[in-house]
Structure formats: C-alpha cells, structure tokens
C-alpha atoms as a PDB file:
ATOM      1  CA  MET A   1      24.038  12.180 -13.990  1.00  0.00           C
ATOM      2  CA  GLN A   2      22.303  15.268 -12.609  1.00  0.00           C
ATOM      3  CA  ILE A   3      19.111  16.569 -14.217  1.00  0.00           C
ATOM      4  CA  ARG A   4      19.735  20.132 -15.345  1.00  0.00           C
ATOM      5  CA  SER A   5      16.753  20.792 -17.590  1.00  0.00           C
ATOM      6  CA  VAL A   6      13.178  19.674 -16.941  1.00  0.00           C
ATOM      7  CA  CYS A   7      10.314  19.864 -19.412  1.00  0.00           C
ATOM      8  CA  VAL A   8       6.954  20.586 -17.791  1.00  0.00           C
ATOM      9  CA  LEU A   9       3.877  19.554 -19.768  1.00  0.00           C
ATOM     10  CA  CYS A  10       0.700  21.295 -18.614  1.00  0.00           C
ATOM     11  CA  GLY A  11      -2.436  23.144 -19.653  1.00  0.00           C
ATOM     12  CA  SER A  12      -2.944  26.525 -21.245  1.00  0.00           C
ATOM     13  CA  ASN A  13      -5.931  26.898 -18.894  1.00  0.00           C
ATOM     14  CA  GLU A  14      -5.765  27.163 -15.105  1.00  0.00           C
ATOM     15  CA  GLY A  15      -8.526  24.668 -14.383  1.00  0.00           C
ATOM     16  CA  ALA A  16     -11.515  25.018 -12.095  1.00  0.00           C
ATOM     17  CA  ASP A  17      -9.640  24.776  -8.783  1.00  0.00           C
ATOM     18  CA  THR A  18      -6.886  27.119  -7.580  1.00  0.00           C
ATOM     19  CA  VAL A  19      -4.917  24.089  -6.336  1.00  0.00           C
ATOM     20  CA  TYR A  20      -3.776  23.480  -9.937  1.00  0.00           C
ATOM     21  CA  ARG A  21      -2.274  26.958 -10.324  1.00  0.00           C
ATOM     22  CA  ASP A  22      -0.752  26.872  -6.845  1.00  0.00           C
ATOM     23  CA  SER A  23       0.939  23.556  -7.656  1.00  0.00           C
ATOM     24  CA  ALA A  24       2.319  24.931 -10.925  1.00  0.00           C
ATOM     25  CA  VAL A  25       3.820  28.001  -9.251  1.00  0.00           C
ATOM     26  CA  ARG A  26       5.273  25.840  -6.461  1.00  0.00           C
ATOM     27  CA  LEU A  27       6.788  23.444  -9.006  1.00  0.00           C
ATOM     28  CA  GLY A  28       8.418  26.391 -10.764  1.00  0.00           C
ATOM     29  CA  ARG A  29      10.034  27.599  -7.548  1.00  0.00           C
ATOM     30  CA  LEU A  30      11.227  24.099  -6.683  1.00  0.00           C
ATOM     31  CA  ILE A  31      12.817  23.728 -10.119  1.00  0.00           C
ATOM     32  CA  VAL A  32      14.951  26.795  -9.406  1.00  0.00           C
ATOM     33  CA  ASP A  33      15.698  25.720  -5.825  1.00  0.00           C
ATOM     34  CA  ASN A  34      17.115  22.488  -7.237  1.00  0.00           C
ATOM     35  CA  GLY A  35      19.316  24.142  -9.857  1.00  0.00           C
ATOM     36  CA  MET A  36      17.302  23.168 -12.915  1.00  0.00           C
ATOM     37  CA  ARG A  37      16.084  25.113 -15.924  1.00  0.00           C
ATOM     38  CA  LEU A  38      12.479  24.982 -17.149  1.00  0.00           C
ATOM     39  CA  VAL A  39      11.565  24.006 -20.710  1.00  0.00           C
ATOM     40  CA  TYR A  40       7.867  24.401 -21.446  1.00  0.00           C
ATOM     41  CA  GLY A  41       5.276  25.280 -24.090  1.00  0.00           C
ATOM     42  CA  GLY A  42       6.030  29.001 -24.149  1.00  0.00           C
ATOM     43  CA  GLY A  43       2.619  30.385 -23.157  1.00  0.00           C
ATOM     44  CA  SER A  44       1.933  33.060 -20.570  1.00  0.00           C
ATOM     45  CA  VAL A  45      -1.580  31.823 -19.733  1.00  0.00           C
ATOM     46  CA  GLY A  46      -2.932  28.899 -17.751  1.00  0.00           C
ATOM     47  CA  LEU A  47      -0.703  26.488 -15.878  1.00  0.00           C
ATOM     48  CA  MET A  48       2.010  27.103 -18.476  1.00  0.00           C
ATOM     49  CA  GLY A  49       2.140  30.735 -17.453  1.00  0.00           C
ATOM     50  CA  ALA A  50       1.974  29.822 -13.763  1.00  0.00           C
ATOM     51  CA  VAL A  51       4.934  27.426 -13.823  1.00  0.00           C
ATOM     52  CA  ALA A  52       6.993  29.925 -15.849  1.00  0.00           C
ATOM     53  CA  THR A  53       6.101  32.687 -13.391  1.00  0.00           C
ATOM     54  CA  GLY A  54       7.186  30.478 -10.490  1.00  0.00           C
ATOM     55  CA  VAL A  55      10.581  29.937 -12.127  1.00  0.00           C
ATOM     56  CA  MET A  56      11.082  33.575 -13.182  1.00  0.00           C
ATOM     57  CA  ASP A  57      10.021  34.978  -9.793  1.00  0.00           C
ATOM     58  CA  ALA A  58      12.641  32.722  -8.188  1.00  0.00           C
ATOM     59  CA  GLY A  59      15.319  33.984 -10.594  1.00  0.00           C
ATOM     60  CA  GLY A  60      15.536  30.871 -12.742  1.00  0.00           C
ATOM     61  CA  GLU A  61      16.015  30.194 -16.441  1.00  0.00           C
ATOM     62  CA  VAL A  62      12.974  29.560 -18.650  1.00  0.00           C
ATOM     63  CA  VAL A  63      12.977  28.347 -22.242  1.00  0.00           C
ATOM     64  CA  GLY A  64       9.587  28.538 -23.965  1.00  0.00           C
ATOM     65  CA  VAL A  65       8.887  26.660 -27.183  1.00  0.00           C
ATOM     66  CA  ILE A  66       5.766  27.661 -29.103  1.00  0.00           C
ATOM     67  CA  PRO A  67       4.499  27.197 -32.658  1.00  0.00           C
ATOM     68  CA  GLU A  68       4.011  30.434 -34.548  1.00  0.00           C
ATOM     69  CA  PHE A  69       0.273  29.855 -34.987  1.00  0.00           C
ATOM     70  CA  LEU A  70      -0.226  29.569 -31.201  1.00  0.00           C
ATOM     71  CA  ILE A  71       1.597  32.755 -30.213  1.00  0.00           C
ATOM     72  CA  ARG A  72      -1.686  34.664 -29.936  1.00  0.00           C
ATOM     73  CA  ALA A  73      -3.874  31.832 -28.590  1.00  0.00           C
ATOM     74  CA  GLU A  74      -1.472  30.849 -25.805  1.00  0.00           C
ATOM     75  CA  VAL A  75      -0.122  34.377 -25.491  1.00  0.00           C
ATOM     76  CA  GLY A  76       3.540  33.656 -26.180  1.00  0.00           C
ATOM     77  CA  ASN A  77       5.523  34.756 -23.143  1.00  0.00           C
ATOM     78  CA  PRO A  78       8.024  37.498 -24.093  1.00  0.00           C
ATOM     79  CA  ASN A  79       9.489  37.611 -20.563  1.00  0.00           C
ATOM     80  CA  VAL A  80      11.167  34.188 -20.633  1.00  0.00           C
ATOM     81  CA  SER A  81      14.931  33.748 -20.907  1.00  0.00           C
ATOM     82  CA  GLU A  82      14.524  32.376 -24.423  1.00  0.00           C
ATOM     83  CA  LEU A  83      11.415  32.003 -26.607  1.00  0.00           C
ATOM     84  CA  ILE A  84      11.796  29.583 -29.496  1.00  0.00           C
ATOM     85  CA  VAL A  85       9.147  29.847 -32.218  1.00  0.00           C
ATOM     86  CA  THR A  86       8.613  26.678 -34.268  1.00  0.00           C
ATOM     87  CA  GLU A  87       6.736  25.972 -37.480  1.00  0.00           C
ATOM     88  CA  SER A  88       4.530  23.166 -36.135  1.00  0.00           C
ATOM     89  CA  MET A  89       3.320  21.340 -33.046  1.00  0.00           C
ATOM     90  CA  HIS A  90       5.562  18.395 -33.869  1.00  0.00           C
ATOM     91  CA  ASP A  91       8.583  20.703 -34.083  1.00  0.00           C
ATOM     92  CA  ARG A  92       7.600  22.146 -30.696  1.00  0.00           C
ATOM     93  CA  LYS A  93       7.489  18.721 -29.063  1.00  0.00           C
ATOM     94  CA  ARG A  94      10.763  17.648 -30.631  1.00  0.00           C
ATOM     95  CA  ARG A  95      12.568  20.835 -29.544  1.00  0.00           C
ATOM     96  CA  MET A  96      11.270  20.511 -25.971  1.00  0.00           C
ATOM     97  CA  PHE A  97      12.377  16.871 -25.950  1.00  0.00           C
ATOM     98  CA  GLU A  98      15.854  17.676 -27.277  1.00  0.00           C
ATOM     99  CA  MET A  99      16.469  20.290 -24.560  1.00  0.00           C
ATOM    100  CA  SER A 100      15.221  18.257 -21.594  1.00  0.00           C
ATOM    101  CA  ASP A 101      16.676  15.663 -19.248  1.00  0.00           C
ATOM    102  CA  ALA A 102      13.351  14.763 -17.605  1.00  0.00           C
ATOM    103  CA  PHE A 103       9.616  15.338 -18.006  1.00  0.00           C
ATOM    104  CA  VAL A 104       7.088  16.408 -15.388  1.00  0.00           C
ATOM    105  CA  VAL A 105       3.371  16.442 -16.151  1.00  0.00           C
ATOM    106  CA  LEU A 106       0.830  18.704 -14.454  1.00  0.00           C
ATOM    107  CA  PRO A 107      -2.919  18.752 -15.224  1.00  0.00           C
ATOM    108  CA  GLY A 108      -3.979  19.938 -18.649  1.00  0.00           C
ATOM    109  CA  GLY A 109      -6.307  19.365 -21.571  1.00  0.00           C
ATOM    110  CA  LEU A 110      -6.042  17.556 -24.885  1.00  0.00           C
ATOM    111  CA  GLY A 111      -2.688  19.117 -25.791  1.00  0.00           C
ATOM    112  CA  THR A 112      -1.206  17.940 -22.500  1.00  0.00           C
ATOM    113  CA  LEU A 113      -2.660  14.482 -23.060  1.00  0.00           C
ATOM    114  CA  ASP A 114      -1.123  14.391 -26.541  1.00  0.00           C
ATOM    115  CA  GLU A 115       2.311  15.467 -25.286  1.00  0.00           C
ATOM    116  CA  THR A 116       2.181  13.071 -22.338  1.00  0.00           C
ATOM    117  CA  PHE A 117       1.219  10.024 -24.377  1.00  0.00           C
ATOM    118  CA  GLU A 118       3.810  10.845 -27.016  1.00  0.00           C
ATOM    119  CA  ILE A 119       6.669  11.156 -24.521  1.00  0.00           C
ATOM    120  CA  ILE A 120       5.546   7.911 -22.815  1.00  0.00           C
ATOM    121  CA  THR A 121       5.363   6.150 -26.184  1.00  0.00           C
ATOM    122  CA  TRP A 122       8.835   7.386 -27.138  1.00  0.00           C
ATOM    123  CA  LYS A 123      10.109   5.885 -23.895  1.00  0.00           C
ATOM    124  CA  GLN A 124       8.317   2.597 -24.576  1.00  0.00           C
ATOM    125  CA  LEU A 125      10.029   2.507 -27.977  1.00  0.00           C
ATOM    126  CA  ARG A 126      13.352   3.197 -26.199  1.00  0.00           C
ATOM    127  CA  LEU A 127      13.858   6.451 -28.053  1.00  0.00           C
ATOM    128  CA  HIS A 128      14.743   7.864 -24.641  1.00  0.00           C
ATOM    129  CA  LEU A 129      15.148   6.643 -21.075  1.00  0.00           C
ATOM    130  CA  SER A 130      14.485   9.947 -19.299  1.00  0.00           C
ATOM    131  CA  PRO A 131      12.314  10.075 -16.180  1.00  0.00           C
ATOM    132  CA  ILE A 132       8.624  10.884 -16.667  1.00  0.00           C
ATOM    133  CA  ILE A 133       6.854  12.037 -13.517  1.00  0.00           C
ATOM    134  CA  VAL A 134       3.129  12.772 -13.367  1.00  0.00           C
ATOM    135  CA  ILE A 135       1.926  14.994 -10.531  1.00  0.00           C
ATOM    136  CA  ASP A 136      -1.549  13.823  -9.559  1.00  0.00           C
ATOM    137  CA  VAL A 137      -2.778  17.187  -8.261  1.00  0.00           C
ATOM    138  CA  ALA A 138      -6.111  16.691  -6.446  1.00  0.00           C
ATOM    139  CA  GLY A 139      -6.569  13.287  -8.098  1.00  0.00           C
ATOM    140  CA  TYR A 140      -6.587  14.770 -11.612  1.00  0.00           C
ATOM    141  CA  TRP A 141      -4.478  11.986 -13.144  1.00  0.00           C
ATOM    142  CA  ALA A 142      -6.154   9.040 -11.353  1.00  0.00           C
ATOM    143  CA  PRO A 143      -8.006   8.126 -14.598  1.00  0.00           C
ATOM    144  CA  LEU A 144      -4.643   7.830 -16.391  1.00  0.00           C
ATOM    145  CA  SER A 145      -3.513   5.131 -13.971  1.00  0.00           C
ATOM    146  CA  VAL A 146      -6.833   3.321 -14.441  1.00  0.00           C
ATOM    147  CA  LEU A 147      -6.475   3.537 -18.239  1.00  0.00           C
ATOM    148  CA  LEU A 148      -2.926   2.190 -18.220  1.00  0.00           C
ATOM    149  CA  ASP A 149      -3.977  -0.691 -15.930  1.00  0.00           C
ATOM    150  CA  SER A 150      -6.861  -1.411 -18.318  1.00  0.00           C
ATOM    151  CA  THR A 151      -4.575  -1.604 -21.367  1.00  0.00           C
ATOM    152  CA  VAL A 152      -2.441  -4.170 -19.554  1.00  0.00           C
ATOM    153  CA  ARG A 153      -5.415  -6.238 -18.295  1.00  0.00           C
ATOM    154  CA  ALA A 154      -6.986  -6.274 -21.769  1.00  0.00           C
ATOM    155  CA  GLY A 155      -3.749  -7.525 -23.318  1.00  0.00           C
ATOM    156  CA  PHE A 156      -2.946  -4.411 -25.363  1.00  0.00           C
ATOM    157  CA  ALA A 157       0.203  -3.559 -23.412  1.00  0.00           C
ATOM    158  CA  ASP A 158       2.871  -5.423 -21.522  1.00  0.00           C
ATOM    159  CA  PRO A 159       2.895  -4.876 -17.734  1.00  0.00           C
ATOM    160  CA  SER A 160       6.255  -3.130 -18.164  1.00  0.00           C
ATOM    161  CA  VAL A 161       4.436  -0.043 -19.521  1.00  0.00           C
ATOM    162  CA  LEU A 162       3.417   0.717 -15.951  1.00  0.00           C
ATOM    163  CA  ASP A 163       7.100   1.369 -15.204  1.00  0.00           C
ATOM    164  CA  LEU A 164       7.475   4.012 -17.937  1.00  0.00           C
ATOM    165  CA  LEU A 165       6.272   6.780 -15.646  1.00  0.00           C
ATOM    166  CA  GLN A 166       5.919   7.514 -11.971  1.00  0.00           C
ATOM    167  CA  VAL A 167       2.877   9.139 -10.410  1.00  0.00           C
ATOM    168  CA  VAL A 168       3.372  11.346  -7.341  1.00  0.00           C
ATOM    169  CA  ALA A 169       1.089  13.508  -5.227  1.00  0.00           C
ATOM    170  CA  SER A 170       2.882  16.862  -5.154  1.00  0.00           C
ATOM    171  CA  PRO A 171       5.506  19.092  -6.768  1.00  0.00           C
ATOM    172  CA  GLU A 172       7.752  18.421  -3.770  1.00  0.00           C
ATOM    173  CA  ASP A 173       7.509  14.657  -4.410  1.00  0.00           C
ATOM    174  CA  ALA A 174       8.294  15.170  -8.098  1.00  0.00           C
ATOM    175  CA  VAL A 175      11.415  17.246  -7.496  1.00  0.00           C
ATOM    176  CA  SER A 176      12.622  14.880  -4.758  1.00  0.00           C
ATOM    177  CA  LEU A 177      12.215  11.977  -7.153  1.00  0.00           C
ATOM    178  CA  LEU A 178      14.148  13.830  -9.858  1.00  0.00           C
ATOM    179  CA  ALA A 179      16.963  14.431  -7.393  1.00  0.00           C
ATOM    180  CA  VAL A 180      17.367  10.712  -6.653  1.00  0.00           C
ATOM    181  CA  THR A 181      16.486   9.372 -10.098  1.00  0.00           C
ATOM    182  CA  GLY A 182      18.995  11.339 -12.093  1.00  0.00           C
ATOM    183  CA  ARG A 183      19.086  11.181 -15.831  1.00  0.00           C
ATOM    184  CA  THR A 184      19.627   8.081 -17.898  1.00  0.00           C
ATOM    185  CA  GLU A 185      21.380   8.705 -21.188  1.00  0.00           C
ATOM    186  CA  ARG A 186      19.202   9.045 -24.254  1.00  0.00           C
ATOM    187  CA  THR A 187      19.309   6.226 -26.751  1.00  0.00           C
ATOM    188  CA  CYS A 188      18.009   8.227 -29.680  1.00  0.00           C
ATOM    189  CA  VAL A 189      18.845  10.925 -32.140  1.00  0.00           C
ATOM    190  CA  SER A 190      16.195  13.468 -33.068  1.00  0.00           C
ATOM    191  CA  ASP A 191      15.819  12.262 -36.676  1.00  0.00           C
ATOM    192  CA  GLN A 192      14.175   9.088 -35.336  1.00  0.00           C
ATOM    193  CA  LEU A 193      11.294  11.172 -33.969  1.00  0.00           C
END
C-alpha cells in the first residue's frame, strides 16, 4: 500500500548548523516530489517551519497540528493547507498519528525526543506497524542508536526493538525507503492510545 501521508517529527529550533535546516527543506520538497502530504507540529519556526516551507514552496499539502497553548511559542503557521488546533500535547500527537501512514524524524529537542519515543513505543506495543525512519543528519541521532543498543545489552529490551525503526543518512534515503517500504496496516484504534 502506498504511503500518502507522512508525519515529520522535528524541532521548533533550527539548531546550530545550517545543515539541519537545509535537510528539513530538502525533505519537504522530496515529500511533494513523491506525491505525499506532510503532517507536522504546526509551527512556522525552526525545523518545523523549514520542512513546511519546503512542502509549500513545492506546491504540496501541509497539515499542521498544534496545541492552543503553543500557538504563540511555536508561531502557529497560518499558511498551511490546514491548521488543526488541539487542547493538549497528547491530543496533538494522537491527531498526527491518526492522519499519518509513516513517520520521519529529523533532529530536535525534548519535544522531538518525546514524540519519537512515544511513536516507537506504540509500535513496540503493536498499536501500529507504520514505518519509522530517523534521518541522522550530521550524526545527530548517533546517540539514539547507542542508547537502544545499551537497553538491549543491559536486558531491558528485546533485540527486536532495534527493528522498530530505521536510521538513514539523508532525506533522499528516507524518501527512497518510504517508497519501497510502503505502509503496513494499522492494528489499533485511537481509543487505545
């Protein structure tokens, strides 16, 4: 089954190196080139704003999902195709999940870490079987791979957790992987989340 809607998890800051922003914009353009719609956190700043700009500049569809209390902090993006305002962070994550066939992770801060670990955990619990692809821009996510290996070695996780996500080096690799991976049907309903 073809992936039509991809959720990108990423930071509301741009980071210290322009390579992060460049990768976000490139990912946005590639999403459009491959006939997919973007679902993201709804902000117009940081990498969130950059990936949305990449999609919009290429003529694609963008759905932003943002909690009401973050509209000012993350500068809710009024230029997207659709901006959904939720009551809470949990509602935001659930709405993004419900609208997405796959998940791609760019660099980000604590919010991105939270979203990433939650979507990985939901997959471990078999609440979904959707692809999760982490783009290791400039080695940013190398510590995540080390941490996951450590949880397995220490006996806190089964080795199968290493198969819950795929780590790639570039936006091009991520989109190519989405094209061949396709979407596996969800096994959950949203009231389980």
